[in-house]
Each structure stands twice: as structure tokens, then as C-alpha cells.
Amino acid sequence: MDKKKLNLILHPVRLRILTTLSGREMTAQQVAKVLPDVAVATLYRHMSALQEGDLLRVVSERQIRGTVEKTYAIHEASFLNLSEDDLANATKDDHMRFFSTFVVSLLAEFATYLQSNDDIDFVRDGVGYHTVALHMSDEELGEFSQQLGELLKQYQKPADGRKRRQLSTIFLPTQDQE
């Protein structure tokens, strides 16, 4: 991935916009409703930068009272995940920046959920966060990651009766290796 696109993605607001648009087509107004903590002018500025960087595309336009309303979609979803080459060529500082951006975007999504209404119910809403220690060989981890990826694919398309949910994963080796 080129550095220009990487720098566009690695901004907490832009990452949240891309996450919001993942698998969907939305207007800026619809994105603003999902990200109420982002000022409208800021949102438009970041969406414009993403479009100029060829990360967002306009899928339709319609005339509304003298202005044009654009509907956006992600230009190509593959850029949302860093490739093995991207990761192998990144410095420690790059990795810290990648991870910090990831964590900040998660915090912002969680804060938006908590502020979404006064009737927060983790059980009803299916909200959870967990840490689980797994004991796997490198080969088993590779197999697990592949199987998990295959499992997740079947739930990434909208369908009747489905609610949009976000799953984030982090694999880290622990320091207490036996």
C-alpha cells in the first residue's frame, strides 16, 4: 500500500468513516447520523480527502433544492487490511501508529454506542469485550485464523433480519511464555 493512502486511512476520523461505509452505500448525512460526535464540517473535509485519495467513490448523485446529494461507497475494501508486505516493511513506530489508530477508532465507536441512548443494555444489544488466552502452535494459529476468516465471510453481507455489528480481533504473544 502506498504511503499516501496509508496516511489517509491512519486517521481516527477517516478510519471511522471507512468502517461506517464498509459494505454500504451512504450519503454524508447518513454517515453524520452514525458519527454524531464528528462535526459536520470535519466529516465533509475528511470524506472529501478520502474521495480525492481514491478510497471513496460516488455511486450516485441526486439534485435536492439546488444542491447535489452524493451517495458514497468504499472504492475497494481490500485496503482496509494491511498486507503481509505492509506489515513486514513497517517500522516499530509505524506499527505503534497503526495500533494506536485502531484502538482510538474502537474507543470512539464504543463511546458512540454508550452515548446513543439512555437505555444501554449490553445483553440485549449483544455487546461484549473479552480477552481469552489460547494455547496454539504457530501452525494452529494459522489454521485458526484461516478458519475464522472463512466463518466471518458468511456474515459480512447485509440481509433481512440482520443487524450490523462490529467484531475486532487482536492476536498478541504474551510475555509469560512457558
C-alpha atoms as a PDB file:
ATOM      1  CA  MET A   1       0.000   0.000   0.000  1.00  0.00           C
ATOM      2  CA  ASP A   2       1.416   3.381  -0.847  1.00  0.00           C
ATOM      3  CA  LYS A   3       2.240   5.779   1.989  1.00  0.00           C
ATOM      4  CA  LYS A   4      -0.249   8.416   0.805  1.00  0.00           C
ATOM      5  CA  LYS A   5      -3.213   6.022   1.090  1.00  0.00           C
ATOM      6  CA  LEU A   6      -1.881   4.609   4.326  1.00  0.00           C
ATOM      7  CA  ASN A   7      -1.661   8.100   5.841  1.00  0.00           C
ATOM      8  CA  LEU A   8      -5.219   8.833   4.677  1.00  0.00           C
ATOM      9  CA  ILE A   9      -6.516   5.694   6.384  1.00  0.00           C
ATOM     10  CA  LEU A  10      -4.498   6.118   9.571  1.00  0.00           C
ATOM     11  CA  HIS A  11      -6.504   8.981  10.961  1.00  0.00           C
ATOM     12  CA  PRO A  12      -9.114   8.108  13.600  1.00  0.00           C
ATOM     13  CA  VAL A  13     -11.982  10.036  11.969  1.00  0.00           C
ATOM     14  CA  ARG A  14     -11.229   8.784   8.463  1.00  0.00           C
ATOM     15  CA  LEU A  15     -10.891   5.214   9.745  1.00  0.00           C
ATOM     16  CA  ARG A  16     -14.316   5.534  11.411  1.00  0.00           C
ATOM     17  CA  ILE A  17     -15.812   6.867   8.161  1.00  0.00           C
ATOM     18  CA  LEU A  18     -14.376   3.921   6.235  1.00  0.00           C
ATOM     19  CA  THR A  19     -15.608   1.467   8.859  1.00  0.00           C
ATOM     20  CA  THR A  20     -19.062   3.042   8.739  1.00  0.00           C
ATOM     21  CA  LEU A  21     -19.194   2.745   4.953  1.00  0.00           C
ATOM     22  CA  SER A  22     -17.823  -0.799   4.864  1.00  0.00           C
ATOM     23  CA  GLY A  23     -20.293  -2.891   2.868  1.00  0.00           C
ATOM     24  CA  ARG A  24     -22.748   0.001   2.497  1.00  0.00           C
ATOM     25  CA  GLU A  25     -23.631   2.984   0.349  1.00  0.00           C
ATOM     26  CA  MET A  26     -24.457   6.130   2.304  1.00  0.00           C
ATOM     27  CA  THR A  27     -24.797   9.891   1.937  1.00  0.00           C
ATOM     28  CA  ALA A  28     -22.708  12.240   4.052  1.00  0.00           C
ATOM     29  CA  GLN A  29     -25.841  12.997   6.089  1.00  0.00           C
ATOM     30  CA  GLN A  30     -26.325   9.304   6.834  1.00  0.00           C
ATOM     31  CA  VAL A  31     -22.677   8.963   7.871  1.00  0.00           C
ATOM     32  CA  ALA A  32     -23.099  12.026  10.106  1.00  0.00           C
ATOM     33  CA  LYS A  33     -26.012  10.324  11.914  1.00  0.00           C
ATOM     34  CA  VAL A  34     -23.818   7.290  12.624  1.00  0.00           C
ATOM     35  CA  LEU A  35     -20.928   9.518  13.802  1.00  0.00           C
ATOM     36  CA  PRO A  36     -22.739  12.249  15.771  1.00  0.00           C
ATOM     37  CA  ASP A  37     -19.592  13.217  17.676  1.00  0.00           C
ATOM     38  CA  VAL A  38     -17.855  14.328  14.443  1.00  0.00           C
ATOM     39  CA  ALA A  39     -18.604  17.932  13.415  1.00  0.00           C
ATOM     40  CA  VAL A  40     -20.323  18.076  10.021  1.00  0.00           C
ATOM     41  CA  ALA A  41     -17.659  20.345   8.514  1.00  0.00           C
ATOM     42  CA  THR A  42     -14.944  17.965   9.739  1.00  0.00           C
ATOM     43  CA  LEU A  43     -16.835  14.987   8.328  1.00  0.00           C
ATOM     44  CA  TYR A  44     -17.173  16.603   4.887  1.00  0.00           C
ATOM     45  CA  ARG A  45     -13.487  17.569   4.877  1.00  0.00           C
ATOM     46  CA  HIS A  46     -12.390  14.015   5.674  1.00  0.00           C
ATOM     47  CA  MET A  47     -14.823  12.443   3.199  1.00  0.00           C
ATOM     48  CA  SER A  48     -13.505  14.794   0.521  1.00  0.00           C
ATOM     49  CA  ALA A  49      -9.921  13.772   1.324  1.00  0.00           C
ATOM     50  CA  LEU A  50     -10.890  10.093   1.123  1.00  0.00           C
ATOM     51  CA  GLN A  51     -12.571  10.656  -2.234  1.00  0.00           C
ATOM     52  CA  GLU A  52      -9.573  12.579  -3.589  1.00  0.00           C
ATOM     53  CA  GLY A  53      -7.328   9.749  -2.362  1.00  0.00           C
ATOM     54  CA  ASP A  54      -9.439   7.275  -4.350  1.00  0.00           C
ATOM     55  CA  LEU A  55     -10.608   5.465  -1.218  1.00  0.00           C
ATOM     56  CA  LEU A  56     -14.241   6.574  -1.554  1.00  0.00           C
ATOM     57  CA  ARG A  57     -16.267   6.728  -4.736  1.00  0.00           C
ATOM     58  CA  VAL A  58     -19.533   8.434  -5.587  1.00  0.00           C
ATOM     59  CA  VAL A  59     -22.069   5.785  -6.586  1.00  0.00           C
ATOM     60  CA  SER A  60     -24.944   8.147  -7.280  1.00  0.00           C
ATOM     61  CA  GLU A  61     -25.963  11.780  -7.203  1.00  0.00           C
ATOM     62  CA  ARG A  62     -29.353  13.425  -6.919  1.00  0.00           C
ATOM     63  CA  GLN A  63     -30.475  17.022  -7.070  1.00  0.00           C
ATOM     64  CA  ILE A  64     -32.046  18.344  -3.871  1.00  0.00           C
ATOM     65  CA  ARG A  65     -33.152  22.002  -3.704  1.00  0.00           C
ATOM     66  CA  GLY A  66     -30.250  23.452  -5.636  1.00  0.00           C
ATOM     67  CA  THR A  67     -27.567  21.179  -4.265  1.00  0.00           C
ATOM     68  CA  VAL A  68     -26.312  17.749  -5.222  1.00  0.00           C
ATOM     69  CA  GLU A  69     -26.546  14.933  -2.691  1.00  0.00           C
ATOM     70  CA  LYS A  70     -23.877  12.280  -3.252  1.00  0.00           C
ATOM     71  CA  THR A  71     -24.040   8.678  -2.154  1.00  0.00           C
ATOM     72  CA  TYR A  72     -20.639   7.207  -1.297  1.00  0.00           C
ATOM     73  CA  ALA A  73     -19.147   3.746  -1.074  1.00  0.00           C
ATOM     74  CA  ILE A  74     -15.684   2.437  -0.386  1.00  0.00           C
ATOM     75  CA  HIS A  75     -13.761   2.276  -3.629  1.00  0.00           C
ATOM     76  CA  GLU A  76     -12.052  -1.003  -2.796  1.00  0.00           C
ATOM     77  CA  ALA A  77     -12.435  -2.756   0.540  1.00  0.00           C
ATOM     78  CA  SER A  78      -9.139  -4.643   0.349  1.00  0.00           C
ATOM     79  CA  PHE A  79      -7.184  -1.608   1.513  1.00  0.00           C
ATOM     80  CA  LEU A  80      -8.810  -1.753   4.946  1.00  0.00           C
ATOM     81  CA  ASN A  81      -6.492  -4.576   5.913  1.00  0.00           C
ATOM     82  CA  LEU A  82      -2.751  -4.200   5.739  1.00  0.00           C
ATOM     83  CA  SER A  83      -0.995  -6.820   3.624  1.00  0.00           C
ATOM     84  CA  GLU A  84       1.844  -9.037   4.838  1.00  0.00           C
ATOM     85  CA  ASP A  85       4.249  -6.813   2.852  1.00  0.00           C
ATOM     86  CA  ASP A  86       2.836  -3.674   4.512  1.00  0.00           C
ATOM     87  CA  LEU A  87       3.370  -5.232   7.924  1.00  0.00           C
ATOM     88  CA  ALA A  88       6.811  -6.664   7.121  1.00  0.00           C
ATOM     89  CA  ASN A  89       8.110  -3.323   5.834  1.00  0.00           C
ATOM     90  CA  ALA A  90       6.705  -1.229   8.680  1.00  0.00           C
ATOM     91  CA  THR A  91       8.935   0.134  11.406  1.00  0.00           C
ATOM     92  CA  LYS A  92       8.173  -0.214  15.122  1.00  0.00           C
ATOM     93  CA  ASP A  93       6.930   3.386  15.064  1.00  0.00           C
ATOM     94  CA  ASP A  94       4.655   2.560  12.100  1.00  0.00           C
ATOM     95  CA  HIS A  95       3.228  -0.408  13.990  1.00  0.00           C
ATOM     96  CA  MET A  96       2.621   1.742  17.059  1.00  0.00           C
ATOM     97  CA  ARG A  97       0.804   4.271  14.871  1.00  0.00           C
ATOM     98  CA  PHE A  98      -1.275   1.525  13.177  1.00  0.00           C
ATOM     99  CA  PHE A  99      -2.264   0.018  16.512  1.00  0.00           C
ATOM    100  CA  SER A 100      -2.953   3.393  18.156  1.00  0.00           C
ATOM    101  CA  THR A 101      -5.253   4.373  15.307  1.00  0.00           C
ATOM    102  CA  PHE A 102      -7.035   1.024  15.593  1.00  0.00           C
ATOM    103  CA  VAL A 103      -7.520   1.425  19.360  1.00  0.00           C
ATOM    104  CA  VAL A 104      -8.633   5.069  19.095  1.00  0.00           C
ATOM    105  CA  SER A 105     -11.232   4.121  16.481  1.00  0.00           C
ATOM    106  CA  LEU A 106     -12.523   1.328  18.757  1.00  0.00           C
ATOM    107  CA  LEU A 107     -12.756   3.741  21.685  1.00  0.00           C
ATOM    108  CA  ALA A 108     -14.687   6.222  19.552  1.00  0.00           C
ATOM    109  CA  GLU A 109     -17.106   3.513  18.354  1.00  0.00           C
ATOM    110  CA  PHE A 110     -17.669   2.361  21.936  1.00  0.00           C
ATOM    111  CA  ALA A 111     -18.228   5.943  23.132  1.00  0.00           C
ATOM    112  CA  THR A 112     -20.751   6.480  20.323  1.00  0.00           C
ATOM    113  CA  TYR A 113     -22.610   3.333  21.415  1.00  0.00           C
ATOM    114  CA  LEU A 114     -22.657   4.448  25.066  1.00  0.00           C
ATOM    115  CA  GLN A 115     -23.952   7.889  24.086  1.00  0.00           C
ATOM    116  CA  SER A 116     -26.502   6.533  21.577  1.00  0.00           C
ATOM    117  CA  ASN A 117     -29.370   6.434  24.082  1.00  0.00           C
ATOM    118  CA  ASP A 118     -30.156   6.281  27.777  1.00  0.00           C
ATOM    119  CA  ASP A 119     -31.291   2.642  27.658  1.00  0.00           C
ATOM    120  CA  ILE A 120     -27.955   0.863  27.180  1.00  0.00           C
ATOM    121  CA  ASP A 121     -28.286  -2.894  27.657  1.00  0.00           C
ATOM    122  CA  PHE A 122     -25.182  -4.929  26.821  1.00  0.00           C
ATOM    123  CA  VAL A 123     -27.062  -8.250  26.838  1.00  0.00           C
ATOM    124  CA  ARG A 124     -29.932  -7.079  24.639  1.00  0.00           C
ATOM    125  CA  ASP A 125     -27.580  -5.234  22.291  1.00  0.00           C
ATOM    126  CA  GLY A 126     -25.116  -8.128  22.091  1.00  0.00           C
ATOM    127  CA  VAL A 127     -22.198  -6.002  23.292  1.00  0.00           C
ATOM    128  CA  GLY A 128     -19.177  -7.657  24.822  1.00  0.00           C
ATOM    129  CA  TYR A 129     -15.450  -7.428  25.126  1.00  0.00           C
ATOM    130  CA  HIS A 130     -13.299 -10.324  26.175  1.00  0.00           C
ATOM    131  CA  THR A 131      -9.718 -11.446  26.443  1.00  0.00           C
ATOM    132  CA  VAL A 132      -9.027 -15.150  26.127  1.00  0.00           C
ATOM    133  CA  ALA A 133      -5.667 -16.876  26.414  1.00  0.00           C
ATOM    134  CA  LEU A 134      -5.284 -19.502  23.692  1.00  0.00           C
ATOM    135  CA  HIS A 135      -2.547 -22.111  23.531  1.00  0.00           C
ATOM    136  CA  MET A 136      -1.655 -22.794  19.901  1.00  0.00           C
ATOM    137  CA  SER A 137       1.352 -23.703  17.840  1.00  0.00           C
ATOM    138  CA  ASP A 138       2.230 -21.322  15.008  1.00  0.00           C
ATOM    139  CA  GLU A 139       0.628 -23.783  12.599  1.00  0.00           C
ATOM    140  CA  GLU A 140      -2.559 -23.980  14.686  1.00  0.00           C
ATOM    141  CA  LEU A 141      -2.751 -20.178  14.842  1.00  0.00           C
ATOM    142  CA  GLY A 142      -2.503 -20.026  11.047  1.00  0.00           C
ATOM    143  CA  GLU A 143      -5.258 -22.623  10.671  1.00  0.00           C
ATOM    144  CA  PHE A 144      -7.426 -20.871  13.260  1.00  0.00           C
ATOM    145  CA  SER A 145      -7.030 -17.500  11.528  1.00  0.00           C
ATOM    146  CA  GLN A 146      -7.940 -19.026   8.167  1.00  0.00           C
ATOM    147  CA  GLN A 147     -10.995 -20.828   9.585  1.00  0.00           C
ATOM    148  CA  LEU A 148     -12.131 -17.704  11.414  1.00  0.00           C
ATOM    149  CA  GLY A 149     -11.802 -15.673   8.210  1.00  0.00           C
ATOM    150  CA  GLU A 150     -13.909 -18.216   6.323  1.00  0.00           C
ATOM    151  CA  LEU A 151     -16.542 -18.215   9.080  1.00  0.00           C
ATOM    152  CA  LEU A 152     -16.744 -14.416   9.132  1.00  0.00           C
ATOM    153  CA  LYS A 153     -17.256 -14.137   5.348  1.00  0.00           C
ATOM    154  CA  GLN A 154     -20.775 -15.555   5.603  1.00  0.00           C
ATOM    155  CA  TYR A 155     -21.837 -12.732   7.933  1.00  0.00           C
ATOM    156  CA  GLN A 156     -20.354  -9.754   6.071  1.00  0.00           C
ATOM    157  CA  LYS A 157     -23.278  -9.146   3.686  1.00  0.00           C
ATOM    158  CA  PRO A 158     -26.484  -7.403   4.796  1.00  0.00           C
ATOM    159  CA  ALA A 159     -29.668  -9.478   4.777  1.00  0.00           C
ATOM    160  CA  ASP A 160     -33.196  -9.253   6.161  1.00  0.00           C
ATOM    161  CA  GLY A 161     -33.282  -9.604   9.929  1.00  0.00           C
ATOM    162  CA  ARG A 162     -29.568  -8.904  10.335  1.00  0.00           C
ATOM    163  CA  LYS A 163     -28.194  -6.085  12.445  1.00  0.00           C
ATOM    164  CA  ARG A 164     -24.834  -4.576  11.623  1.00  0.00           C
ATOM    165  CA  ARG A 165     -22.293  -5.469  14.314  1.00  0.00           C
ATOM    166  CA  GLN A 166     -18.582  -4.858  14.608  1.00  0.00           C
ATOM    167  CA  LEU A 167     -16.045  -7.501  15.589  1.00  0.00           C
ATOM    168  CA  SER A 168     -12.428  -6.541  16.222  1.00  0.00           C
ATOM    169  CA  THR A 169      -9.654  -9.011  16.850  1.00  0.00           C
ATOM    170  CA  ILE A 170      -6.130  -8.690  18.156  1.00  0.00           C
ATOM    171  CA  PHE A 171      -3.605 -11.520  18.376  1.00  0.00           C
ATOM    172  CA  LEU A 172      -0.643 -10.835  20.657  1.00  0.00           C
ATOM    173  CA  PRO A 173       2.008 -13.128  22.038  1.00  0.00           C
ATOM    174  CA  THR A 174       2.136 -12.862  25.815  1.00  0.00           C
ATOM    175  CA  GLN A 175       5.300 -12.313  27.797  1.00  0.00           C
ATOM    176  CA  ASP A 176       4.683 -15.253  30.126  1.00  0.00           C
ATOM    177  CA  GLN A 177       5.650 -17.935  27.611  1.00  0.00           C
ATOM    178  CA  GLU A 178       6.172 -21.328  29.209  1.00  0.00           C
END
